[in-house]
Amino acid sequence: MAFQVQARDLEGAEQSIFHLVEYICNNQSSDNFDEIKLRIIQVLTIASRSAYNAGGNPNNLFRINLYFIKKMLMIRSKTELLSLAKNILKKLISIIPEKNITNKAKINTALQYIREHCTSNVSRNVVSDILGCSPSHLSRLFSEITGHTFKEFVLKYRMEKAKELLHNVHLNIIEVAYEVGYNDPNYFTSAFKRTFGITPSLFKKSIPIKPD
């Protein structure tokens, strides 16, 4: 069923949950309905994780899971249980991004956001929320398309931006650090040296002074 959820195959997922409910009900003692419900919770937890891995938005997943638990407390029959399970599957599949927005387009949107917000704390969670996908899904797309992890790309962009700004004679090291999103100049210096093998101060001194 996990594959069917990720593939947005509602019909197939509904058939699977029907057979699972039937199997669980037939293999549990009829007077222990709470145990049957627990087994269904376990199954739908796997489905929820599959939706997350397929790019489902974590905030939407939280709301669906909360709704599911509240409704589960009121279930009293196998018919109600199956109806609820199908409803949850439908909700999970509905939040998985469709393929009409290409992965490359998503990454382009992410890159644009990074460029426009590099002076602030650019986080993977914020960007994935904007794109309507999970942080882990965003990480996979970044690695596949850019060849870098999200964190590596943000660092690379900030360091290249810093090199450009260091050419500005009117900006000192602290100001450049702030301009690329570092509130701690020492941390910025350390990151710059790890990236280019030279401190920002030495790099700035190595730039030829242009005559007025």
Protein backbone atom coordinates (compact mmCIF):
# COMPACT_ATOMS: atom_id res chain seq x y z
CA MET A 1 0.00 0.00 0.00
CA ALA A 2 2.91 2.35 0.62
CA PHE A 3 3.84 2.27 -3.08
CA GLN A 4 0.22 2.96 -4.09
CA VAL A 5 0.07 5.99 -1.81
CA GLN A 6 3.31 7.37 -3.23
CA ALA A 7 2.04 6.75 -6.76
CA ARG A 8 -1.22 8.58 -5.94
CA ASP A 9 -3.16 5.40 -6.83
CA LEU A 10 -6.31 5.94 -4.76
CA GLU A 11 -8.23 2.99 -6.19
CA GLY A 12 -5.38 0.57 -5.56
CA ALA A 13 -4.79 1.95 -2.05
CA GLU A 14 -8.49 1.60 -1.20
CA GLN A 15 -8.51 -2.02 -2.35
CA SER A 16 -5.44 -2.73 -0.25
CA ILE A 17 -6.91 -1.15 2.88
CA PHE A 18 -10.16 -3.10 2.34
CA HIS A 19 -8.30 -6.39 2.25
CA LEU A 20 -6.16 -5.38 5.22
CA VAL A 21 -9.19 -4.47 7.33
CA GLU A 22 -10.85 -7.74 6.39
CA TYR A 23 -7.72 -9.70 7.26
CA ILE A 24 -7.14 -7.92 10.56
CA CYS A 25 -10.78 -8.25 11.63
CA ASN A 26 -10.84 -11.95 10.76
CA ASN A 27 -7.60 -12.66 12.58
CA GLN A 28 -8.30 -10.77 15.78
CA SER A 29 -10.72 -11.82 18.49
CA SER A 30 -14.11 -10.29 17.75
CA ASP A 31 -14.44 -8.91 21.29
CA ASN A 32 -11.17 -6.97 21.11
CA PHE A 33 -12.03 -4.14 18.74
CA ASP A 34 -9.49 -1.76 20.31
CA GLU A 35 -6.70 -4.09 19.23
CA ILE A 36 -8.12 -4.14 15.69
CA LYS A 37 -8.12 -0.33 15.66
CA LEU A 38 -4.52 -0.30 16.87
CA ARG A 39 -3.48 -2.50 13.95
CA ILE A 40 -5.21 -0.14 11.50
CA ILE A 41 -3.45 2.83 13.11
CA GLN A 42 -0.13 1.08 12.49
CA VAL A 43 -1.01 0.48 8.84
CA LEU A 44 -2.10 4.08 8.24
CA THR A 45 0.99 5.36 10.02
CA ILE A 46 3.04 3.61 7.33
CA ALA A 47 0.81 5.20 4.67
CA SER A 48 1.35 8.61 6.27
CA ARG A 49 5.12 8.10 6.21
CA SER A 50 4.90 7.14 2.54
CA ALA A 51 3.01 10.34 1.77
CA TYR A 52 5.71 12.31 3.57
CA ASN A 53 8.50 10.59 1.63
CA ALA A 54 6.65 11.34 -1.61
CA GLY A 55 6.73 15.06 -0.86
CA GLY A 56 3.62 15.56 1.25
CA ASN A 57 3.65 18.79 3.24
CA PRO A 58 4.39 18.07 6.95
CA ASN A 59 1.84 20.62 8.17
CA ASN A 60 -0.92 19.02 6.12
CA LEU A 61 0.17 15.58 7.31
CA PHE A 62 -0.06 16.70 10.92
CA ARG A 63 -3.62 17.94 10.42
CA ILE A 64 -4.66 14.71 8.69
CA ASN A 65 -3.13 12.55 11.42
CA LEU A 66 -4.76 14.63 14.14
CA TYR A 67 -8.14 14.31 12.41
CA PHE A 68 -7.58 10.56 12.07
CA ILE A 69 -6.82 10.03 15.77
CA LYS A 70 -9.84 12.07 16.88
CA LYS A 71 -12.17 10.15 14.57
CA MET A 72 -10.62 6.82 15.54
CA LEU A 73 -11.70 7.32 19.14
CA MET A 74 -15.35 7.32 18.05
CA ILE A 75 -15.23 4.28 15.74
CA ARG A 76 -17.43 1.40 16.91
CA SER A 77 -17.78 -0.93 13.91
CA LYS A 78 -15.82 -2.50 11.08
CA THR A 79 -17.86 -0.55 8.51
CA GLU A 80 -16.99 2.76 10.18
CA LEU A 81 -13.37 1.69 10.44
CA LEU A 82 -13.11 0.91 6.73
CA SER A 83 -14.86 4.16 5.80
CA LEU A 84 -12.48 6.20 7.93
CA ALA A 85 -9.42 4.37 6.60
CA LYS A 86 -10.45 5.06 2.99
CA ASN A 87 -11.10 8.71 3.86
CA ILE A 88 -7.63 9.07 5.39
CA LEU A 89 -5.99 7.45 2.37
CA LYS A 90 -7.80 9.89 0.08
CA LYS A 91 -6.57 12.83 2.17
CA LEU A 92 -2.99 11.52 2.23
CA ILE A 93 -2.88 11.02 -1.52
CA SER A 94 -4.39 14.46 -2.14
CA ILE A 95 -1.43 16.24 -0.52
CA ILE A 96 1.23 14.45 -2.56
CA PRO A 97 2.49 16.88 -5.23
CA GLU A 98 1.39 16.10 -8.77
CA LYS A 99 3.91 15.77 -11.56
CA ASN A 100 2.62 18.80 -13.47
CA ILE A 101 5.14 20.90 -11.54
CA THR A 102 8.49 19.50 -12.60
CA ASN A 103 11.24 18.81 -10.12
CA LYS A 104 13.49 21.25 -11.96
CA ALA A 105 10.90 24.00 -11.64
CA LYS A 106 10.72 23.37 -7.90
CA ILE A 107 14.48 23.62 -7.56
CA ASN A 108 14.52 26.83 -9.63
CA THR A 109 11.96 28.30 -7.22
CA ALA A 110 14.11 27.19 -4.30
CA LEU A 111 17.24 28.72 -5.84
CA GLN A 112 15.46 32.00 -6.41
CA TYR A 113 14.35 32.05 -2.78
CA ILE A 114 17.91 31.39 -1.61
CA ARG A 115 19.24 34.24 -3.76
CA GLU A 116 16.63 36.67 -2.44
CA HIS A 117 16.97 35.67 1.22
CA CYS A 118 20.65 34.80 1.64
CA THR A 119 21.01 37.62 4.20
CA SER A 120 18.56 35.82 6.52
CA ASN A 121 18.43 32.34 8.03
CA VAL A 122 17.56 30.25 4.96
CA SER A 123 16.32 26.92 6.27
CA ARG A 124 15.39 23.74 4.45
CA ASN A 125 12.10 23.57 6.38
CA VAL A 126 11.03 27.05 5.28
CA VAL A 127 11.85 26.42 1.61
CA SER A 128 10.16 23.00 1.56
CA ASP A 129 7.04 24.53 3.12
CA ILE A 130 6.94 27.18 0.39
CA LEU A 131 7.22 24.49 -2.27
CA GLY A 132 4.59 22.32 -0.58
CA CYS A 133 6.84 19.30 -0.09
CA SER A 134 8.69 17.63 2.77
CA PRO A 135 12.25 18.64 3.77
CA SER A 136 13.55 15.16 2.90
CA HIS A 137 11.95 15.34 -0.55
CA LEU A 138 13.56 18.75 -1.14
CA SER A 139 16.95 17.34 -0.12
CA ARG A 140 16.64 14.51 -2.62
CA LEU A 141 15.71 16.91 -5.42
CA PHE A 142 18.66 19.17 -4.59
CA SER A 143 21.11 16.30 -4.69
CA GLU A 144 19.68 14.92 -7.92
CA ILE A 145 19.51 18.22 -9.83
CA THR A 146 22.32 20.41 -8.43
CA GLY A 147 24.76 17.75 -7.27
CA HIS A 148 24.86 19.42 -3.84
CA THR A 149 22.86 19.03 -0.67
CA PHE A 150 20.64 21.96 0.32
CA LYS A 151 23.11 23.00 3.02
CA GLU A 152 26.08 22.76 0.66
CA PHE A 153 24.37 24.89 -1.97
CA VAL A 154 23.39 27.63 0.49
CA LEU A 155 26.97 27.74 1.79
CA LYS A 156 28.40 27.81 -1.75
CA TYR A 157 26.09 30.63 -2.81
CA ARG A 158 26.86 32.70 0.29
CA MET A 159 30.61 32.29 -0.12
CA GLU A 160 30.53 33.28 -3.82
CA LYS A 161 28.40 36.28 -2.90
CA ALA A 162 30.89 37.17 -0.17
CA LYS A 163 33.76 37.12 -2.68
CA GLU A 164 31.88 39.62 -4.84
CA LEU A 165 31.16 41.90 -1.88
CA LEU A 166 34.77 41.82 -0.67
CA HIS A 167 35.72 43.67 -3.85
CA ASN A 168 33.72 46.62 -2.53
CA VAL A 169 36.23 48.93 -0.81
CA HIS A 170 33.44 50.51 1.21
CA LEU A 171 32.49 47.25 2.98
CA ASN A 172 34.54 45.75 5.81
CA ILE A 173 34.61 42.06 6.79
CA ILE A 174 31.86 42.39 9.41
CA GLU A 175 29.55 44.13 6.95
CA VAL A 176 30.16 41.48 4.31
CA ALA A 177 29.41 38.76 6.85
CA TYR A 178 26.06 40.35 7.65
CA GLU A 179 25.27 40.78 3.96
CA VAL A 180 25.53 37.03 3.37
CA GLY A 181 23.58 35.96 6.44
CA TYR A 182 26.24 35.55 9.16
CA ASN A 183 25.69 37.35 12.46
CA ASP A 184 28.97 35.98 13.79
CA PRO A 185 31.95 37.36 11.80
CA ASN A 186 34.24 34.69 13.27
CA TYR A 187 31.98 31.92 12.00
CA PHE A 188 31.88 33.64 8.61
CA THR A 189 35.68 33.82 8.52
CA SER A 190 35.93 30.13 9.36
CA ALA A 191 33.40 29.17 6.65
CA PHE A 192 35.14 31.34 4.07
CA LYS A 193 38.55 29.82 4.84
CA ARG A 194 37.18 26.26 4.66
CA THR A 195 35.70 27.06 1.26
CA PHE A 196 38.53 28.97 -0.40
CA GLY A 197 41.58 28.17 1.74
CA ILE A 198 42.13 31.81 2.64
CA THR A 199 40.63 34.20 5.18
CA PRO A 200 38.33 37.02 4.00
CA SER A 201 40.88 39.58 5.26
CA LEU A 202 43.73 38.13 3.22
CA PHE A 203 41.46 37.75 0.21
CA LYS A 204 40.45 41.40 0.44
CA LYS A 205 44.08 42.49 0.74
CA SER A 206 44.97 40.46 -2.36
CA ILE A 207 42.49 42.38 -4.53
CA PRO A 208 44.28 45.02 -6.66
CA ILE A 209 43.23 48.54 -5.78
CA LYS A 210 41.72 50.26 -8.79
CA PRO A 211 42.84 53.84 -9.36
CA ASP A 212 40.13 56.47 -9.04
